[in-house]
Amino acid sequence: MRTPRFRLAQVGERSAWLDALRVRIFPDRWSSLFGQISLYSFVAVLLSGVVLMFFYDPSATVVSYDGSYGPLHGVRMSKALESTLHISFDVQGGMLVRQLHHWAALVMMAALMLLLLRLFFVGAYRKPREKTWLTIVTLLLVAMGIGLTGSALPDDLLSGSSMAILDGVLAATPLVGPLASRLLFGGPFPGDVNAVLYPAHIGLSVVAIGLFALLIRQAVKRRHVVAASWRRLTAKRVGTFFATLGVLVLMAGTLTINPIWLFGPADPASSTAGASPSWYLAVLDGALRLAPGWEVEWLGRTWSVAILAPLAVITLFFAVLALYPYLERLFTKDRKEHLEVERFRDNPRRSGIGVAGMAFYGVLWAAAGSNTLAPAFGVTVEGMMFAFQLLLVVGPVVGFLVTQYVCLGLLRREQDDALHGYETGIIIRSPEGGYTEVHAPVERKPELVGTKVRELSGRP
């Protein structure tokens, strides 16, 4: 008799939870689309990845290609590249699915970064949302790991060049680097890197599923229970999903990406001209290019600043990014809950820090393409690198100062409007011949004044 009552209790609790969920309100802001697009793009990545798993062979066994792509007939290559070419040219719809997988991953990364920027500039990372912020940053890093492991799977010349750079970075890292390189490549480079990266690619994808589920749980738990239309909400979410999927399929069907057949098989002795990693991984490549080539002899080992400094800088950057809510609370002593978001101008210092971080990250990202940018601007590669090194130091400082100045100017303008009224554009001529503009009180146009200005002016 106990078991039925226990089950009935569970059913009752579940029904109450569903009833509460149906009347939860979800804010309908356009910027919330960033989170939705990242989720829906990840669903497209998963669906296309599952299809690709049935045809892809990660083996490093060397075979002679005899598929549909004529220019590579008779070329010796790994089964990994042969199976990827088979998917592209011999499997019906294979090219579409493969390019959908790639484009969806790129869109997911872009949406995640835009979501982080939006949360930062409006202050939505503060208490009680610190865990959500930390989850999104972790998800971004996991997604980067998925992209890094996935980019090596075709085993073409472009991915082989990336693996050669990775091997060089690991081998030049003292103490743990050589061991990590042997474990990754299964011995000396090039080894059988897919034997490690393919399971890692799948494992990181499973971790990403868990992080997205955690984000959804945190978002649902944080809402206030008020009246809302659950059916309307569901219809909008389903519509956004299919719209996102439709755009991704259109991109996959019309825009060629990662044409591995043009590069040929990986070769440790060769590289492609103008090769660069995926845009979201370019920041590490840019840091490696901008670091000075200094070396120090210590403890019987050679310590290369060109390797250690970029790794330390990038690690510190993402550590500060992840822990920023807690660092801000530590320095500002602000332990209050912030349920409402702010505008960019309402916190000039935070907006300045955000723009400085964007400038720092953007310079490192752009530096990864210095070898292709230099000919386009008609300068030497050395001159382009010097310009990026200068921008890496000056850019964040200028970005911080200019952003803070603009935000303070906007706040002063709003404060003046709150105290003296806003300009109506109506000009009146006095009997003496003078001209004055009519100012109306802000009560007639309250949207001109933000929360910060209302506090400064003493208005409700």
Protein backbone atom coordinates (compact mmCIF):
# COMPACT_ATOMS: atom_id res chain seq x y z
CA MET A 1 0.00 0.00 0.00
CA ARG A 2 2.93 2.36 0.51
CA THR A 3 4.18 2.15 -3.04
CA PRO A 4 0.99 3.49 -4.71
CA ARG A 5 0.81 6.42 -2.27
CA PHE A 6 4.46 7.22 -2.94
CA ARG A 7 3.87 7.14 -6.67
CA LEU A 8 0.75 9.28 -6.33
CA ALA A 9 2.75 11.81 -4.33
CA GLN A 10 5.40 11.90 -7.02
CA VAL A 11 2.77 12.35 -9.72
CA GLY A 12 1.13 15.14 -7.71
CA GLU A 13 4.42 16.97 -7.20
CA ARG A 14 5.26 16.61 -10.88
CA SER A 15 1.84 17.90 -11.90
CA ALA A 16 2.21 20.90 -9.59
CA TRP A 17 5.66 21.62 -11.01
CA LEU A 18 4.32 21.45 -14.58
CA ASP A 19 1.40 23.74 -13.69
CA ALA A 20 3.84 26.24 -12.20
CA LEU A 21 6.08 25.95 -15.24
CA ARG A 22 3.17 26.68 -17.58
CA VAL A 23 2.56 30.07 -15.98
CA ARG A 24 6.17 31.17 -15.70
CA ILE A 25 7.01 34.29 -17.63
CA PHE A 26 10.02 34.45 -19.92
CA PRO A 27 11.34 37.93 -20.82
CA ASP A 28 10.81 38.66 -24.50
CA ARG A 29 13.94 40.68 -25.36
CA TRP A 30 15.65 40.45 -28.73
CA SER A 31 19.01 39.92 -27.04
CA SER A 32 17.69 36.72 -25.43
CA LEU A 33 17.80 35.24 -28.93
CA PHE A 34 21.56 34.79 -28.55
CA GLY A 35 21.03 32.02 -26.01
CA GLN A 36 18.30 30.41 -28.09
CA ILE A 37 20.36 30.50 -31.29
CA SER A 38 23.33 28.92 -29.53
CA LEU A 39 21.11 26.11 -28.21
CA TYR A 40 19.37 25.49 -31.52
CA SER A 41 22.68 25.57 -33.40
CA PHE A 42 24.05 23.02 -30.96
CA VAL A 43 21.05 20.80 -31.69
CA ALA A 44 21.92 21.06 -35.40
CA VAL A 45 25.53 20.16 -34.55
CA LEU A 46 24.40 17.09 -32.63
CA LEU A 47 21.95 15.87 -35.28
CA SER A 48 24.42 16.29 -38.13
CA GLY A 49 27.22 14.79 -36.02
CA VAL A 50 25.20 11.66 -35.33
CA VAL A 51 24.63 11.21 -39.07
CA LEU A 52 28.33 11.71 -39.82
CA MET A 53 29.31 9.08 -37.24
CA PHE A 54 27.80 6.32 -39.41
CA PHE A 55 30.14 7.10 -42.32
CA TYR A 56 33.29 8.48 -40.71
CA ASP A 57 36.28 6.23 -39.96
CA PRO A 58 38.90 7.79 -37.62
CA SER A 59 41.54 5.18 -38.50
CA ALA A 60 45.04 6.33 -39.47
CA THR A 61 45.54 3.30 -41.72
CA VAL A 62 46.95 4.45 -45.06
CA VAL A 63 44.93 3.56 -48.17
CA SER A 64 44.89 4.59 -51.84
CA TYR A 65 41.98 6.86 -52.72
CA ASP A 66 39.67 5.63 -55.52
CA GLY A 67 36.52 7.66 -54.86
CA SER A 68 34.54 10.08 -57.01
CA TYR A 69 36.93 13.03 -56.72
CA GLY A 70 39.24 12.52 -59.72
CA PRO A 71 42.19 14.84 -58.87
CA LEU A 72 43.04 12.70 -55.81
CA HIS A 73 42.83 9.29 -57.50
CA GLY A 74 45.71 7.09 -56.40
CA VAL A 75 46.84 9.49 -53.65
CA ARG A 76 47.87 7.76 -50.42
CA MET A 77 45.89 9.02 -47.44
CA SER A 78 44.47 7.89 -44.12
CA LYS A 79 41.07 6.24 -43.84
CA ALA A 80 39.96 9.31 -41.90
CA LEU A 81 40.44 11.55 -44.93
CA GLU A 82 39.13 8.90 -47.32
CA SER A 83 35.91 8.53 -45.31
CA THR A 84 35.49 12.31 -45.15
CA LEU A 85 35.87 12.55 -48.93
CA HIS A 86 33.42 9.65 -49.24
CA ILE A 87 30.89 11.60 -47.17
CA SER A 88 31.44 14.71 -49.29
CA PHE A 89 31.16 13.16 -52.76
CA ASP A 90 29.62 9.69 -52.56
CA VAL A 91 27.02 9.80 -49.76
CA GLN A 92 23.73 11.36 -50.86
CA GLY A 93 23.33 14.62 -48.96
CA GLY A 94 26.68 14.04 -47.29
CA MET A 95 28.17 17.36 -48.33
CA LEU A 96 25.11 19.19 -46.99
CA VAL A 97 25.25 17.40 -43.63
CA ARG A 98 29.00 17.92 -43.31
CA GLN A 99 28.79 21.63 -44.06
CA LEU A 100 25.76 21.98 -41.80
CA HIS A 101 27.84 20.47 -39.00
CA HIS A 102 30.61 23.01 -39.60
CA TRP A 103 28.42 26.10 -40.06
CA ALA A 104 26.25 25.26 -37.05
CA ALA A 105 29.35 25.01 -34.86
CA LEU A 106 30.55 28.43 -36.01
CA VAL A 107 27.15 30.05 -35.43
CA MET A 108 26.90 28.43 -31.99
CA MET A 109 30.26 29.91 -30.98
CA ALA A 110 29.30 33.36 -32.27
CA ALA A 111 25.97 33.26 -30.40
CA LEU A 112 27.66 32.18 -27.16
CA MET A 113 30.16 35.04 -27.36
CA LEU A 114 27.43 37.58 -28.10
CA LEU A 115 25.41 36.18 -25.19
CA LEU A 116 28.37 36.66 -22.84
CA LEU A 117 28.88 40.23 -24.05
CA ARG A 118 25.21 41.02 -23.59
CA LEU A 119 25.16 39.60 -20.04
CA PHE A 120 28.32 41.50 -19.13
CA PHE A 121 27.31 44.94 -20.40
CA VAL A 122 23.86 44.86 -18.78
CA GLY A 123 25.22 43.49 -15.49
CA ALA A 124 23.27 40.23 -15.69
CA TYR A 125 26.21 38.27 -14.25
CA ARG A 126 25.77 39.66 -10.73
CA LYS A 127 24.04 38.00 -7.80
CA PRO A 128 21.93 35.85 -8.10
CA ARG A 129 23.17 34.95 -11.63
CA GLU A 130 26.84 34.18 -10.94
CA LYS A 131 26.38 30.45 -11.48
CA THR A 132 24.72 31.05 -14.85
CA TRP A 133 27.64 33.23 -15.93
CA LEU A 134 30.16 30.60 -14.82
CA THR A 135 28.21 27.89 -16.66
CA ILE A 136 28.19 29.89 -19.91
CA VAL A 137 31.94 30.60 -19.73
CA THR A 138 32.59 26.90 -19.07
CA LEU A 139 30.34 26.02 -22.01
CA LEU A 140 32.30 28.42 -24.23
CA LEU A 141 35.59 26.74 -23.29
CA VAL A 142 34.11 23.28 -23.82
CA ALA A 143 32.78 24.38 -27.22
CA MET A 144 36.28 25.58 -28.13
CA GLY A 145 37.60 22.16 -27.16
CA ILE A 146 34.96 20.54 -29.36
CA GLY A 147 36.02 22.73 -32.25
CA LEU A 148 39.72 22.01 -31.73
CA THR A 149 39.24 18.25 -31.57
CA GLY A 150 36.79 18.24 -34.47
CA SER A 151 38.99 20.31 -36.79
CA ALA A 152 41.68 17.60 -36.72
CA LEU A 153 39.39 14.69 -37.62
CA PRO A 154 39.47 15.02 -41.45
CA ASP A 155 43.28 14.54 -41.37
CA ASP A 156 43.79 16.82 -44.36
CA LEU A 157 46.75 19.15 -44.91
CA LEU A 158 45.06 22.08 -43.14
CA SER A 159 44.23 20.10 -40.01
CA GLY A 160 47.69 18.50 -40.15
CA SER A 161 49.24 21.99 -40.08
CA SER A 162 47.18 22.83 -36.99
CA MET A 163 48.32 19.64 -35.29
CA ALA A 164 51.95 20.46 -36.14
CA ILE A 165 51.55 23.84 -34.41
CA LEU A 166 49.91 22.16 -31.42
CA ASP A 167 52.75 19.64 -31.21
CA GLY A 168 55.29 22.48 -31.32
CA VAL A 169 53.54 24.33 -28.51
CA LEU A 170 53.35 21.22 -26.34
CA ALA A 171 56.92 20.13 -27.05
CA ALA A 172 58.26 23.59 -26.15
CA THR A 173 56.40 23.65 -22.83
CA PRO A 174 58.86 22.58 -20.11
CA LEU A 175 58.22 19.66 -17.77
CA VAL A 176 54.74 18.47 -18.83
CA GLY A 177 54.80 19.45 -22.50
CA PRO A 178 56.76 16.56 -24.05
CA LEU A 179 54.75 13.99 -22.10
CA ALA A 180 51.46 15.62 -23.14
CA SER A 181 52.59 15.55 -26.78
CA ARG A 182 53.38 11.81 -26.63
CA LEU A 183 50.04 11.05 -24.98
CA LEU A 184 48.13 13.11 -27.53
CA PHE A 185 49.82 11.72 -30.62
CA GLY A 186 50.42 8.22 -29.30
CA GLY A 187 54.18 8.63 -29.66
CA PRO A 188 56.28 10.89 -31.88
CA PHE A 189 54.42 13.33 -34.13
CA PRO A 190 52.33 12.78 -36.26
CA GLY A 191 51.34 9.44 -34.70
CA ASP A 192 47.64 8.54 -34.54
CA VAL A 193 46.11 11.69 -33.09
CA ASN A 194 42.54 10.75 -34.05
CA ALA A 195 42.68 7.80 -31.67
CA VAL A 196 42.65 10.40 -28.87
CA LEU A 197 40.80 13.33 -30.43
CA TYR A 198 37.81 11.40 -31.77
CA PRO A 199 36.74 10.04 -28.35
CA ALA A 200 37.56 13.44 -26.84
CA HIS A 201 35.35 15.13 -29.44
CA ILE A 202 32.42 12.89 -28.52
CA GLY A 203 33.08 13.19 -24.79
CA LEU A 204 33.20 16.99 -24.87
CA SER A 205 29.94 17.00 -26.85
CA VAL A 206 28.30 15.00 -24.06
CA VAL A 207 29.65 17.51 -21.52
CA ALA A 208 28.17 20.34 -23.62
CA ILE A 209 24.78 18.61 -23.54
CA GLY A 210 24.95 18.58 -19.76
CA LEU A 211 25.96 22.26 -19.60
CA PHE A 212 23.10 23.31 -21.88
CA ALA A 213 20.69 21.28 -19.73
CA LEU A 214 22.09 23.01 -16.64
CA LEU A 215 21.59 26.42 -18.26
CA ILE A 216 17.97 25.60 -19.08
CA ARG A 217 17.38 24.42 -15.52
CA GLN A 218 18.93 27.61 -14.10
CA ALA A 219 16.85 29.78 -16.43
CA VAL A 220 13.58 28.06 -15.52
CA LYS A 221 14.35 28.12 -11.80
CA ARG A 222 15.08 31.85 -11.85
CA ARG A 223 11.73 32.98 -13.33
CA HIS A 224 8.93 34.51 -11.26
CA VAL A 225 5.56 32.74 -11.36
CA VAL A 226 3.01 35.04 -13.00
CA ALA A 227 0.36 34.68 -15.66
CA ALA A 228 1.67 33.94 -19.14
CA SER A 229 0.66 32.01 -22.24
CA TRP A 230 2.58 28.74 -22.33
CA ARG A 231 1.23 27.85 -25.77
CA ARG A 232 2.33 31.17 -27.24
CA LEU A 233 5.77 30.77 -25.69
CA THR A 234 6.13 27.26 -27.10
CA ALA A 235 5.04 28.38 -30.56
CA LYS A 236 7.62 31.19 -30.57
CA ARG A 237 10.42 28.89 -29.42
CA VAL A 238 9.55 26.24 -32.01
CA GLY A 239 9.33 28.90 -34.70
CA THR A 240 12.74 30.30 -33.73
CA PHE A 241 14.24 26.80 -33.79
CA PHE A 242 13.04 26.05 -37.31
CA ALA A 243 14.03 29.53 -38.51
CA THR A 244 17.55 28.99 -37.14
CA LEU A 245 17.73 25.52 -38.64
CA GLY A 246 16.48 26.85 -41.99
CA VAL A 247 19.16 29.55 -42.12
CA LEU A 248 21.84 27.01 -41.22
CA VAL A 249 20.67 24.60 -43.93
CA LEU A 250 20.63 27.46 -46.44
CA MET A 251 24.20 28.37 -45.49
CA ALA A 252 25.29 24.75 -45.71
CA GLY A 253 23.74 24.37 -49.14
CA THR A 254 25.11 27.57 -50.68
CA LEU A 255 28.35 28.47 -48.89
CA THR A 256 31.34 26.14 -49.21
CA ILE A 257 33.39 25.72 -46.07
CA ASN A 258 36.48 23.63 -45.29
CA PRO A 259 37.05 22.19 -48.80
CA ILE A 260 39.42 19.44 -47.72
CA TRP A 261 39.66 18.06 -51.26
CA LEU A 262 41.67 21.14 -52.24
CA PHE A 263 44.27 20.57 -49.52
CA GLY A 264 44.97 16.87 -49.86
CA PRO A 265 46.22 14.54 -47.12
CA ALA A 266 48.18 15.69 -44.08
CA ASP A 267 51.95 15.77 -44.48
CA PRO A 268 54.30 16.56 -41.55
CA ALA A 269 56.77 18.13 -44.01
CA SER A 270 54.25 20.41 -45.72
CA SER A 271 51.81 23.18 -44.83
CA THR A 272 49.21 25.29 -46.62
CA ALA A 273 49.82 28.93 -47.50
CA GLY A 274 47.76 31.34 -45.41
CA ALA A 275 46.58 28.59 -43.08
CA SER A 276 44.83 29.77 -39.93
CA PRO A 277 42.65 28.10 -37.30
CA SER A 278 38.91 28.58 -36.89
CA TRP A 279 38.09 32.16 -35.95
CA TYR A 280 37.17 31.31 -32.35
CA LEU A 281 40.52 29.52 -31.85
CA ALA A 282 42.59 32.21 -33.56
CA VAL A 283 43.21 34.10 -30.31
CA LEU A 284 45.87 31.60 -29.18
CA ASP A 285 47.54 31.62 -32.59
CA GLY A 286 47.62 35.43 -32.50
CA ALA A 287 49.15 35.41 -29.03
CA LEU A 288 51.87 33.02 -30.22
CA ARG A 289 52.69 35.32 -33.13
CA LEU A 290 52.87 38.50 -31.05
CA ALA A 291 54.99 37.09 -28.21
CA PRO A 292 58.70 38.00 -28.36
CA GLY A 293 61.03 35.12 -29.17
CA TRP A 294 62.98 35.31 -25.93
CA GLU A 295 64.50 32.23 -24.31
CA VAL A 296 65.88 31.68 -20.81
CA GLU A 297 68.21 28.91 -19.61
CA TRP A 298 67.18 27.78 -16.13
CA LEU A 299 67.42 24.50 -14.20
CA GLY A 300 69.11 22.86 -17.14
CA ARG A 301 66.16 23.58 -19.44
CA THR A 302 65.30 26.14 -22.08
CA TRP A 303 62.24 28.21 -21.18
CA SER A 304 60.72 29.92 -24.22
CA VAL A 305 58.83 33.13 -23.52
CA ALA A 306 57.25 32.84 -26.97
CA ILE A 307 55.38 29.75 -25.73
CA LEU A 308 54.91 30.29 -22.00
CA ALA A 309 53.77 33.92 -22.16
CA PRO A 310 50.86 33.34 -24.60
CA LEU A 311 49.67 30.29 -22.66
CA ALA A 312 49.81 32.23 -19.39
CA VAL A 313 48.06 35.29 -20.85
CA ILE A 314 45.21 33.33 -22.45
CA THR A 315 44.74 31.20 -19.32
CA LEU A 316 44.63 34.32 -17.14
CA PHE A 317 42.18 36.04 -19.51
CA PHE A 318 39.63 33.22 -19.36
CA ALA A 319 40.16 32.76 -15.61
CA VAL A 320 39.35 36.44 -15.00
CA LEU A 321 36.39 36.17 -17.38
CA ALA A 322 34.94 33.21 -15.49
CA LEU A 323 35.53 34.67 -12.03
CA TYR A 324 34.65 38.28 -12.86
CA PRO A 325 31.36 38.33 -10.86
CA TYR A 326 33.20 37.21 -7.74
CA LEU A 327 36.14 39.56 -8.34
CA GLU A 328 33.78 42.52 -8.79
CA ARG A 329 31.96 41.62 -5.59
CA LEU A 330 35.30 41.40 -3.78
CA PHE A 331 36.44 44.87 -4.87
CA THR A 332 33.09 46.71 -4.75
CA LYS A 333 31.75 45.00 -1.59
CA ASP A 334 28.38 44.82 -3.34
CA ARG A 335 26.54 41.77 -2.05
CA LYS A 336 23.01 42.83 -2.95
CA GLU A 337 20.83 40.93 -5.39
CA HIS A 338 20.42 42.63 -8.76
CA LEU A 339 17.26 41.37 -10.40
CA GLU A 340 17.03 44.19 -12.95
CA VAL A 341 19.52 44.72 -15.74
CA GLU A 342 21.23 48.04 -16.47
CA ARG A 343 22.00 49.93 -19.63
CA PHE A 344 25.57 50.20 -20.86
CA ARG A 345 25.87 53.84 -19.80
CA ASP A 346 24.62 53.23 -16.25
CA ASN A 347 27.96 51.73 -15.23
CA PRO A 348 30.76 53.50 -17.15
CA ARG A 349 33.56 51.59 -15.46
CA ARG A 350 32.10 48.19 -16.26
CA SER A 351 31.41 49.21 -19.85
CA GLY A 352 34.97 50.47 -20.17
CA ILE A 353 36.36 47.19 -18.84
CA GLY A 354 34.18 45.30 -21.32
CA VAL A 355 35.38 47.33 -24.30
CA ALA A 356 39.00 46.99 -23.12
CA GLY A 357 38.58 43.21 -22.97
CA MET A 358 37.03 43.20 -26.43
CA ALA A 359 39.96 45.26 -27.78
CA PHE A 360 42.51 42.92 -26.18
CA TYR A 361 40.81 39.79 -27.48
CA GLY A 362 40.18 41.36 -30.88
CA VAL A 363 43.82 42.31 -31.43
CA LEU A 364 44.97 38.77 -30.62
CA TRP A 365 42.29 37.40 -32.93
CA ALA A 366 43.26 39.70 -35.81
CA ALA A 367 46.98 38.98 -35.32
CA ALA A 368 46.36 35.35 -36.31
CA GLY A 369 45.75 36.58 -39.85
CA SER A 370 48.76 38.90 -40.03
CA ASN A 371 50.36 36.91 -42.85
CA THR A 372 47.29 37.49 -45.06
CA LEU A 373 46.54 41.02 -43.85
CA ALA A 374 50.05 42.32 -44.57
CA PRO A 375 49.87 41.84 -48.38
CA ALA A 376 46.35 43.26 -48.42
CA PHE A 377 47.57 46.51 -46.82
CA GLY A 378 50.84 46.57 -48.76
CA VAL A 379 53.10 46.32 -45.70
CA THR A 380 55.61 43.77 -44.51
CA VAL A 381 54.62 41.02 -42.11
CA GLU A 382 57.09 42.44 -39.57
CA GLY A 383 55.45 45.87 -39.83
CA MET A 384 52.01 44.34 -39.38
CA MET A 385 53.18 42.41 -36.31
CA PHE A 386 54.67 45.56 -34.76
CA ALA A 387 51.38 47.38 -35.33
CA PHE A 388 49.46 44.60 -33.58
CA GLN A 389 51.93 44.57 -30.67
CA LEU A 390 51.39 48.31 -30.26
CA LEU A 391 47.62 47.93 -30.47
CA LEU A 392 47.69 45.14 -27.89
CA VAL A 393 49.05 47.63 -25.33
CA VAL A 394 47.37 50.87 -26.42
CA GLY A 395 44.03 49.53 -27.67
CA PRO A 396 42.53 48.35 -24.35
CA VAL A 397 43.60 51.56 -22.56
CA VAL A 398 42.12 53.81 -25.25
CA GLY A 399 38.97 51.68 -25.40
CA PHE A 400 38.47 51.94 -21.64
CA LEU A 401 39.00 55.71 -21.49
CA VAL A 402 36.85 56.54 -24.53
CA THR A 403 33.99 54.27 -23.41
CA GLN A 404 34.00 55.70 -19.90
CA TYR A 405 34.05 59.26 -21.28
CA VAL A 406 31.11 58.57 -23.60
CA CYS A 407 29.06 56.88 -20.87
CA LEU A 408 29.69 59.72 -18.40
CA GLY A 409 28.73 62.26 -21.05
CA LEU A 410 25.45 60.48 -21.73
CA LEU A 411 24.70 60.29 -18.00
CA ARG A 412 25.40 64.01 -17.54
CA ARG A 413 23.08 64.78 -20.45
CA GLU A 414 20.34 62.66 -18.90
CA GLN A 415 20.88 64.28 -15.51
CA ASP A 416 20.54 67.71 -17.11
CA ASP A 417 17.29 66.56 -18.78
CA ALA A 418 16.01 65.26 -15.44
CA LEU A 419 16.74 68.55 -13.66
CA HIS A 420 15.84 71.07 -16.37
CA GLY A 421 13.68 69.14 -18.81
CA TYR A 422 14.44 67.81 -22.26
CA GLU A 423 14.73 69.80 -25.47
CA THR A 424 11.44 69.85 -27.39
CA GLY A 425 12.74 71.53 -30.54
CA ILE A 426 10.19 74.37 -30.14
CA ILE A 427 11.81 77.81 -30.48
CA ILE A 428 10.03 80.89 -29.08
CA ARG A 429 10.90 84.48 -29.86
CA SER A 430 10.54 86.93 -26.99
CA PRO A 431 9.19 90.52 -27.39
CA GLU A 432 12.76 91.74 -26.97
CA GLY A 433 13.85 89.71 -30.02
CA GLY A 434 15.63 86.88 -28.21
CA TYR A 435 15.13 83.19 -28.98
CA THR A 436 14.72 80.40 -26.42
CA GLU A 437 13.97 76.72 -26.72
CA VAL A 438 11.11 75.22 -24.76
CA HIS A 439 12.10 72.47 -22.33
CA ALA A 440 9.49 69.96 -21.15
CA PRO A 441 9.69 68.03 -17.87
CA VAL A 442 10.91 64.45 -18.11
CA GLU A 443 7.60 63.17 -16.75
CA ARG A 444 6.25 63.60 -20.25
CA LYS A 445 9.06 61.50 -21.71
CA PRO A 446 10.36 59.23 -18.90
CA GLU A 447 12.16 56.86 -21.25
CA LEU A 448 14.88 59.50 -21.65
CA VAL A 449 16.04 59.03 -18.10
CA GLY A 450 17.62 55.86 -16.75
CA THR A 451 17.65 54.46 -13.23
CA LYS A 452 21.05 55.95 -12.41
CA VAL A 453 19.97 59.47 -13.39
CA ARG A 454 16.70 59.23 -11.48
CA GLU A 455 18.74 58.34 -8.40
CA LEU A 456 21.07 61.31 -8.94
CA SER A 457 18.21 63.76 -9.50
CA GLY A 458 16.13 62.50 -6.59
CA ARG A 459 13.18 61.66 -8.83
CA PRO A 460 11.12 58.46 -8.30
